[in-house]
Every structure is written in structure tokens, then in C-alpha cells.
Amino acid sequence: MKAIRAGRAGGPEVLELVDLPRPAPRAGEALVRLAAAGVNYIDVYIRSGLYPGELPYVPGQEGAGTVVEVGPGVHEVAVGDVVAWANLPGSYAEYALLSADRLVPVPDGLDAETAAATLLQGMTAHYLCHDTHPVREGDTVVVHAAAGGVGMLLTQLVRLRGGTVIGTASTEAKAEAARAAGAVEVVDYRPGALLEAVRRHTGGLGAAAVYDGIGGPTFDESLASLRPRGVLAVYGQSGGPVPPFDLQRLNSAGSLYVTRPNLGHHVQDRAELLRRGTAVLRLVRDGRLHVRIGQRFPLSAAAAAHTALEARTTIAKTVLVCSPAPL
């Protein structure tokens, strides 16, 4: 089978297309023929060495496809099932060997490529606005990088819960995409622009929550944008890590909360994974949550996909089309 392999940490150039033996499932495993793999910033963190791991490895934490073989003891899925997954390694390939109990059935009426573009970022958006700060009717929140994959889904989910979104984006094209997703206003990253918009929309009170996947560059203004007892959720660091800071700042700014949440802690067992994953996929299937695939790359162009993602030239979701030749 064709797969992308990284033999060392580094830039996008370490991602190479190679031929590997097609694996056979062992007990508890399923072999899936991929339709597509999602490209996410966690893939960049792992590739660069920010999140170190074993080498060499096949990148990719998200995908969807059809089960073609199962190992002994598997009862969660069967051959022929269309499934999706997140937070499992090895998705940049034509076939992936996966733990069967971490696979989410794709509901009838939803295609595999869309499911691959949805699950990781959709479940991230879901836990942020349902658990990290459960959005209530009338809440005004900030979504940074609102034209990104998480940002566009999160904006829609906040709106479904009755909240109002102020977004940030780096270009007018991205701002237009964020407004189309439901943001009432989108500002750029000029110092003070976000704070001014939040004050205007909240009568000076501040935002109930800021959902921030950028990290260091936006941290200070995110804190300043919160109302008393507001929540800053730094769920990623595409712009770099947040430097150490004095906790007294949270007190003086109004008993603020800061958290660094992680998707893995919000799908800790199969029941929670199925509840969250199925909820998101059904919203997409039913037309209540719209997934935009902004970029498609062939599997062989994984390095180009990473280059585009890191250059912040992508809008919405980026996927690798992985389908091998028909069996």
C-alpha cells in the first residue's frame, strides 16, 4: 500500500510517499480502506517534534473509510461498515490498522470524505461549547481563527446553542468565510481590534468565553476581552505557546478561568466517543452543521498540504484523498 512516512522530525519535507506492506488485523483491530484523511495542526506538532514520538511513523490522526477486515474478538464494527476516527495514528495511507473500539460508525446519508473532514475538529468544537464553557442563550463569545476548520464548526455550534460569535481572521477572504458561518463581526489581529469589538457588542461587559487555538500571540487580548468569571480556553497553539504568566492577573481581571483542554480527555471511553462523535456526524448529515472542505490534496502531496496549513493560506478543512485502486 501507499503511505506517507516521516523518518525524522522536521519540516514538511520529511513527509515521504513510500510503499509499505498492507497490515493484517490482530485481536481487537480493524483494517480500514481509507477514503480520506483529515489534515490537522496536531499533525504539524507531531511532525515538527513539538509532540515527540517514535520514529519512523505514518502521520495522520483522523480519517474515514470502509472496514475490509477485522481481527479476532471484534464486535464493534463489521466488514463493509463505513467508519470514522480521530486521535488514532496512521491515517496518511491507503489502509489503516485501528483499534475497533475507537471507530465511530458513519450514519447513512453521509459520505466518508465529509466524515473524515468532520470528526476531529467537530468533536473539538463540540466539547468546547458544550463542556469547557457550555454556551447559554445570549452569551457572546470570541472564536479565534474563525475561518479555520475548528473555527467554522465552533461558530455554527455556538449559534445553535443561542450564542453570538465575534471572530478573528487574518484576511478578508477568511473573514467572509467566518461571517458565512454565522459570526456577527470578524476582526483582524491588530492590537485592540478585538477588544473594541467585544466592548461594542456587550455594552462593555466582556465576552463569556474566548476559544483560542492560536496561543501566545492572542493570549493577552483574549484575557482582556473576558467578562468577570469568563473562560479562556486555549485549545491549540498554532501561533506558538503561551509564556508563563502571573496567576494574580486572573484575580485582578475578574476571577477569570484559563484552561488548556484536549480532545482526548473528552472522549475517554467508547460511550463518550460515540455520544459526541455521533452527535456531530448526525448534525452534518441533517444539514444543521455545514462542513466546508477548502482544500483537497492527493495522498502524495501531504507535504504541500502541511506547507499550506502552516502558511495559514488554508480556509476551513484540508483533506488528503487516500482511496487506493478498487479491490
Protein backbone atom coordinates (compact mmCIF):
# COMPACT_ATOMS: atom_id res chain seq x y z
CA MET A 1 0.00 0.00 0.00
CA LYS A 2 1.00 3.62 -0.46
CA ALA A 3 1.59 5.63 2.70
CA ILE A 4 3.29 8.77 3.92
CA ARG A 5 6.16 8.16 6.30
CA ALA A 6 8.26 10.53 8.42
CA GLY A 7 11.68 9.20 9.38
CA ARG A 8 12.70 12.21 11.44
CA ALA A 9 11.27 15.36 12.97
CA GLY A 10 11.41 18.49 10.86
CA GLY A 11 9.62 20.50 8.21
CA PRO A 12 7.11 19.29 5.61
CA GLU A 13 9.98 17.86 3.55
CA VAL A 14 10.28 14.91 5.98
CA LEU A 15 6.94 13.55 4.70
CA GLU A 16 7.73 10.97 2.02
CA LEU A 17 5.49 8.72 -0.06
CA VAL A 18 6.57 5.08 0.38
CA ASP A 19 5.36 1.54 -0.28
CA LEU A 20 4.57 -0.44 2.87
CA PRO A 21 3.13 -3.92 3.42
CA ARG A 22 -0.62 -3.90 3.93
CA PRO A 23 -1.09 -4.85 7.59
CA ALA A 24 -3.30 -7.62 8.93
CA PRO A 25 -5.56 -7.01 11.94
CA ARG A 26 -4.84 -8.66 15.27
CA ALA A 27 -7.27 -9.16 18.15
CA GLY A 28 -9.38 -6.05 18.70
CA GLU A 29 -8.27 -4.38 15.46
CA ALA A 30 -9.92 -3.47 12.16
CA LEU A 31 -8.28 -2.79 8.81
CA VAL A 32 -9.89 0.17 7.05
CA ARG A 33 -9.56 1.17 3.40
CA LEU A 34 -9.36 4.96 3.59
CA ALA A 35 -11.42 7.35 1.54
CA ALA A 36 -9.77 10.44 3.01
CA ALA A 37 -7.66 11.67 5.91
CA GLY A 38 -8.12 14.95 7.73
CA VAL A 39 -5.12 17.27 7.96
CA ASN A 40 -4.91 18.96 11.37
CA TYR A 41 -2.49 21.13 13.29
CA ILE A 42 -1.73 18.27 15.65
CA ASP A 43 -0.11 16.57 12.64
CA VAL A 44 2.24 19.55 12.38
CA TYR A 45 3.04 19.44 16.11
CA ILE A 46 3.97 15.75 15.86
CA ARG A 47 5.90 16.12 12.59
CA SER A 48 7.94 19.06 13.88
CA GLY A 49 8.88 17.26 17.10
CA LEU A 50 6.90 19.59 19.36
CA TYR A 51 4.98 16.46 20.39
CA PRO A 52 7.76 13.84 20.23
CA GLY A 53 7.06 10.22 19.39
CA GLU A 54 8.56 7.08 17.92
CA LEU A 55 10.24 7.25 14.52
CA PRO A 56 9.63 6.39 11.76
CA TYR A 57 5.85 6.70 11.71
CA VAL A 58 2.86 7.21 9.41
CA PRO A 59 1.25 10.58 10.25
CA GLY A 60 -2.42 11.45 10.44
CA GLN A 61 -4.82 11.36 13.37
CA GLU A 62 -8.17 11.46 11.54
CA GLY A 63 -9.81 9.65 8.67
CA ALA A 64 -12.76 7.69 7.34
CA GLY A 65 -13.27 4.70 5.11
CA THR A 66 -14.61 1.18 4.82
CA VAL A 67 -13.76 -1.77 7.06
CA VAL A 68 -12.22 -4.53 4.92
CA GLU A 69 -11.03 -6.97 7.58
CA VAL A 70 -11.39 -7.46 11.34
CA GLY A 71 -9.33 -9.36 13.87
CA PRO A 72 -10.47 -11.86 16.49
CA GLY A 73 -12.86 -10.59 19.14
CA VAL A 74 -14.06 -7.53 17.23
CA HIS A 75 -17.76 -6.86 17.74
CA GLU A 76 -17.93 -3.05 17.48
CA VAL A 77 -17.69 -2.99 13.65
CA ALA A 78 -18.02 -5.44 10.75
CA VAL A 79 -16.60 -5.78 7.25
CA GLY A 80 -18.36 -3.31 4.97
CA ASP A 81 -19.08 -0.71 7.67
CA VAL A 82 -18.16 2.89 6.88
CA VAL A 83 -16.40 4.35 9.90
CA ALA A 84 -14.55 7.48 11.00
CA TRP A 85 -11.97 8.12 13.71
CA ALA A 86 -9.93 10.78 15.44
CA ASN A 87 -6.86 10.70 17.68
CA LEU A 88 -5.64 7.43 16.15
CA PRO A 89 -2.30 7.32 14.30
CA GLY A 90 -1.58 6.22 10.76
CA SER A 91 -4.23 7.91 8.62
CA TYR A 92 -1.95 9.23 5.85
CA ALA A 93 -2.18 5.93 3.98
CA GLU A 94 -4.37 3.85 1.70
CA TYR A 95 -5.11 1.45 4.58
CA ALA A 96 -5.01 1.94 8.35
CA LEU A 97 -4.93 -0.61 11.14
CA LEU A 98 -7.03 0.74 14.00
CA SER A 99 -8.46 -0.19 17.39
CA ALA A 100 -12.03 -1.23 16.61
CA ASP A 101 -13.41 0.24 19.84
CA ARG A 102 -12.28 3.74 18.76
CA LEU A 103 -14.18 3.73 15.47
CA VAL A 104 -17.37 5.75 15.02
CA PRO A 105 -20.00 4.48 12.55
CA VAL A 106 -20.75 6.99 9.80
CA PRO A 107 -24.53 7.47 9.63
CA ASP A 108 -26.39 6.59 6.45
CA GLY A 109 -26.62 9.57 4.16
CA LEU A 110 -23.18 10.99 4.98
CA ASP A 111 -20.22 10.29 2.70
CA ALA A 112 -16.87 9.14 4.05
CA GLU A 113 -14.86 12.13 2.84
CA THR A 114 -17.14 14.54 4.69
CA ALA A 115 -16.93 12.36 7.79
CA ALA A 116 -13.12 12.45 7.56
CA ALA A 117 -13.30 16.24 7.37
CA THR A 118 -15.59 16.45 10.39
CA LEU A 119 -14.79 14.20 13.28
CA LEU A 120 -11.65 15.54 14.98
CA GLN A 121 -12.44 19.22 14.60
CA GLY A 122 -16.18 18.68 15.03
CA MET A 123 -15.75 16.87 18.34
CA THR A 124 -13.26 19.54 19.43
CA ALA A 125 -15.79 22.27 18.68
CA HIS A 126 -18.49 20.22 20.42
CA TYR A 127 -16.65 19.79 23.73
CA LEU A 128 -15.53 23.43 23.75
CA CYS A 129 -19.05 24.85 23.63
CA HIS A 130 -20.83 22.02 25.47
CA ASP A 131 -18.33 21.27 28.26
CA THR A 132 -15.40 23.71 28.55
CA HIS A 133 -17.77 26.67 28.57
CA PRO A 134 -21.34 25.49 27.97
CA VAL A 135 -22.74 28.29 25.84
CA ARG A 136 -26.04 29.67 27.07
CA GLU A 137 -28.71 31.63 25.24
CA GLY A 138 -27.49 35.20 24.87
CA ASP A 139 -23.77 34.52 25.52
CA THR A 140 -21.29 36.48 23.42
CA VAL A 141 -18.09 34.53 22.79
CA VAL A 142 -14.91 35.00 20.78
CA VAL A 143 -13.70 32.40 18.27
CA HIS A 144 -10.13 32.96 17.12
CA ALA A 145 -9.19 31.76 13.62
CA ALA A 146 -12.90 31.64 12.88
CA ALA A 147 -12.35 30.58 9.26
CA GLY A 148 -10.32 27.52 10.25
CA GLY A 149 -11.66 24.00 10.48
CA VAL A 150 -12.49 24.18 14.19
CA GLY A 151 -13.45 27.84 13.99
CA MET A 152 -16.17 27.43 11.37
CA LEU A 153 -17.71 24.43 13.12
CA LEU A 154 -17.48 26.04 16.55
CA THR A 155 -19.14 29.22 15.28
CA GLN A 156 -22.07 27.20 13.97
CA LEU A 157 -22.43 25.15 17.15
CA VAL A 158 -22.38 28.29 19.31
CA ARG A 159 -25.15 29.73 17.15
CA LEU A 160 -27.18 26.52 17.52
CA ARG A 161 -26.95 26.98 21.31
CA GLY A 162 -28.20 30.57 21.11
CA GLY A 163 -24.84 32.35 21.41
CA THR A 164 -23.29 35.20 19.45
CA VAL A 165 -19.82 34.89 17.91
CA ILE A 166 -17.19 37.55 17.35
CA GLY A 167 -14.45 36.03 15.21
CA THR A 168 -10.90 36.82 14.21
CA ALA A 169 -9.30 36.18 10.82
CA SER A 170 -6.17 37.28 9.00
CA THR A 171 -7.59 38.10 5.55
CA GLU A 172 -10.82 39.45 4.10
CA ALA A 173 -11.48 36.13 2.34
CA LYS A 174 -11.25 34.34 5.69
CA ALA A 175 -13.42 37.00 7.34
CA GLU A 176 -16.06 36.43 4.68
CA ALA A 177 -15.98 32.68 5.34
CA ALA A 178 -16.35 33.27 9.09
CA ARG A 179 -19.30 35.60 8.58
CA ALA A 180 -20.90 32.98 6.33
CA ALA A 181 -20.57 30.50 9.22
CA GLY A 182 -22.50 32.90 11.47
CA ALA A 183 -20.06 35.31 13.11
CA VAL A 184 -21.73 38.70 13.69
CA GLU A 185 -18.41 40.50 13.30
CA VAL A 186 -14.92 39.43 12.29
CA VAL A 187 -11.83 41.48 13.10
CA ASP A 188 -8.18 41.13 12.18
CA TYR A 189 -5.31 40.73 14.61
CA ARG A 190 -4.41 44.40 15.01
CA PRO A 191 -3.86 45.18 18.71
CA GLY A 192 -7.06 46.48 20.24
CA ALA A 193 -9.39 45.49 17.39
CA LEU A 194 -10.87 42.50 19.20
CA LEU A 195 -11.25 44.31 22.50
CA GLU A 196 -13.08 47.17 20.81
CA ALA A 197 -15.48 44.79 19.03
CA VAL A 198 -16.24 42.86 22.22
CA ARG A 199 -16.95 46.03 24.17
CA ARG A 200 -19.25 47.27 21.45
CA HIS A 201 -21.27 44.05 21.27
CA THR A 202 -21.50 43.50 25.03
CA GLY A 203 -22.02 47.06 26.26
CA GLY A 204 -18.57 46.95 27.86
CA LEU A 205 -19.24 43.80 29.90
CA GLY A 206 -16.93 41.44 28.02
CA ALA A 207 -17.19 38.01 26.41
CA ALA A 208 -18.44 34.97 28.30
CA ALA A 209 -15.69 32.86 26.73
CA VAL A 210 -12.80 33.07 24.30
CA TYR A 211 -11.96 29.93 22.32
CA ASP A 212 -8.35 30.31 21.23
CA GLY A 213 -6.44 27.86 19.06
CA ILE A 214 -3.61 30.32 18.31
CA GLY A 215 -1.96 30.62 21.72
CA GLY A 216 0.83 33.04 22.53
CA PRO A 217 0.14 35.90 20.09
CA THR A 218 -3.51 36.27 21.09
CA PHE A 219 -3.36 35.38 24.79
CA ASP A 220 -3.19 38.87 26.32
CA GLU A 221 -6.02 40.35 24.28
CA SER A 222 -8.09 37.21 24.83
CA LEU A 223 -7.82 37.69 28.60
CA ALA A 224 -8.64 41.38 28.30
CA SER A 225 -11.78 40.56 26.30
CA LEU A 226 -13.42 38.46 29.03
CA ARG A 227 -16.20 39.47 31.38
CA PRO A 228 -15.82 38.73 35.12
CA ARG A 229 -15.67 34.95 35.66
CA GLY A 230 -15.20 34.46 31.92
CA VAL A 231 -13.40 31.44 30.45
CA LEU A 232 -10.36 31.44 28.19
CA ALA A 233 -9.94 28.04 26.52
CA VAL A 234 -6.55 27.76 24.81
CA TYR A 235 -7.16 24.55 22.87
CA GLY A 236 -4.19 24.90 20.48
CA GLN A 237 -1.05 26.90 19.82
CA SER A 238 -0.69 27.36 16.08
CA GLY A 239 0.96 30.73 16.75
CA GLY A 240 3.26 29.46 19.50
CA PRO A 241 2.97 28.54 23.18
CA VAL A 242 1.64 30.83 25.90
CA PRO A 243 4.52 32.12 28.06
CA PRO A 244 4.34 31.65 31.84
CA PHE A 245 2.17 34.30 33.50
CA ASP A 246 1.25 35.51 36.97
CA LEU A 247 -1.97 33.90 38.22
CA GLN A 248 -2.77 37.14 40.04
CA ARG A 249 -3.75 38.55 36.64
CA LEU A 250 -6.81 36.29 36.69
CA ASN A 251 -7.90 37.69 40.04
CA SER A 252 -7.43 41.34 39.16
CA ALA A 253 -9.22 40.92 35.82
CA GLY A 254 -12.36 39.49 37.45
CA SER A 255 -11.78 35.93 38.73
CA LEU A 256 -11.13 34.63 35.24
CA TYR A 257 -10.67 30.99 34.26
CA VAL A 258 -7.96 29.71 31.91
CA THR A 259 -7.81 26.13 30.67
CA ARG A 260 -5.80 24.11 28.15
CA PRO A 261 -8.28 21.41 27.10
CA ASN A 262 -7.60 18.38 24.94
CA LEU A 263 -9.98 16.28 22.83
CA GLY A 264 -8.62 13.01 24.23
CA HIS A 265 -9.88 13.92 27.69
CA HIS A 266 -13.38 14.46 26.29
CA VAL A 267 -13.73 11.06 24.55
CA GLN A 268 -12.22 8.94 27.30
CA ASP A 269 -14.35 5.84 26.80
CA ARG A 270 -16.33 4.37 23.94
CA ALA A 271 -19.65 5.60 25.28
CA GLU A 272 -18.45 9.21 25.36
CA LEU A 273 -16.78 8.86 21.96
CA LEU A 274 -19.96 7.53 20.38
CA ARG A 275 -22.15 10.14 22.05
CA ARG A 276 -20.02 13.06 20.93
CA GLY A 277 -18.97 11.70 17.54
CA THR A 278 -22.43 10.54 16.55
CA ALA A 279 -23.98 13.85 17.61
CA VAL A 280 -21.60 15.79 15.38
CA LEU A 281 -21.89 13.49 12.36
CA ARG A 282 -25.70 13.50 12.56
CA LEU A 283 -25.77 17.30 12.68
CA VAL A 284 -23.77 17.32 9.46
CA ARG A 285 -25.91 14.66 7.83
CA ASP A 286 -29.10 16.51 8.75
CA GLY A 287 -27.82 19.80 7.31
CA ARG A 288 -27.68 21.65 10.63
CA LEU A 289 -23.87 21.78 10.68
CA HIS A 290 -22.09 22.58 7.44
CA VAL A 291 -18.58 21.25 6.77
CA ARG A 292 -16.57 23.12 4.18
CA ILE A 293 -13.64 21.31 2.58
CA GLY A 294 -11.49 24.18 1.45
CA GLN A 295 -8.56 22.17 0.10
CA ARG A 296 -8.10 18.65 -1.25
CA PHE A 297 -4.65 17.17 -1.83
CA PRO A 298 -3.73 13.72 -3.13
CA LEU A 299 -2.02 11.48 -0.60
CA SER A 300 1.29 12.01 -2.40
CA ALA A 301 1.09 15.78 -1.73
CA ALA A 302 0.94 15.58 2.07
CA ALA A 303 4.00 17.85 2.35
CA ALA A 304 2.25 20.51 0.27
CA ALA A 305 -0.81 20.25 2.50
CA HIS A 306 1.33 20.86 5.59
CA THR A 307 3.08 23.78 3.92
CA ALA A 308 -0.24 25.42 3.13
CA LEU A 309 -1.59 24.81 6.64
CA GLU A 310 1.46 26.31 8.33
CA ALA A 311 1.46 29.30 5.97
CA ARG A 312 -2.14 29.97 7.08
CA THR A 313 -3.31 30.08 3.47
CA THR A 314 -5.98 27.43 4.02
CA ILE A 315 -9.66 28.07 4.68
CA ALA A 316 -11.87 25.61 6.55
CA LYS A 317 -10.84 21.95 6.30
CA THR A 318 -7.96 20.35 4.42
CA VAL A 319 -8.11 16.66 3.47
CA LEU A 320 -5.89 14.12 1.77
CA VAL A 321 -7.67 11.90 -0.74
CA CYS A 322 -6.34 8.43 0.06
CA SER A 323 -8.53 5.96 -1.87
CA PRO A 324 -6.47 3.14 -3.34
CA ALA A 325 -7.35 1.34 -6.55
CA PRO A 326 -10.54 -0.75 -6.24
CA LEU A 327 -10.09 -4.18 -4.67
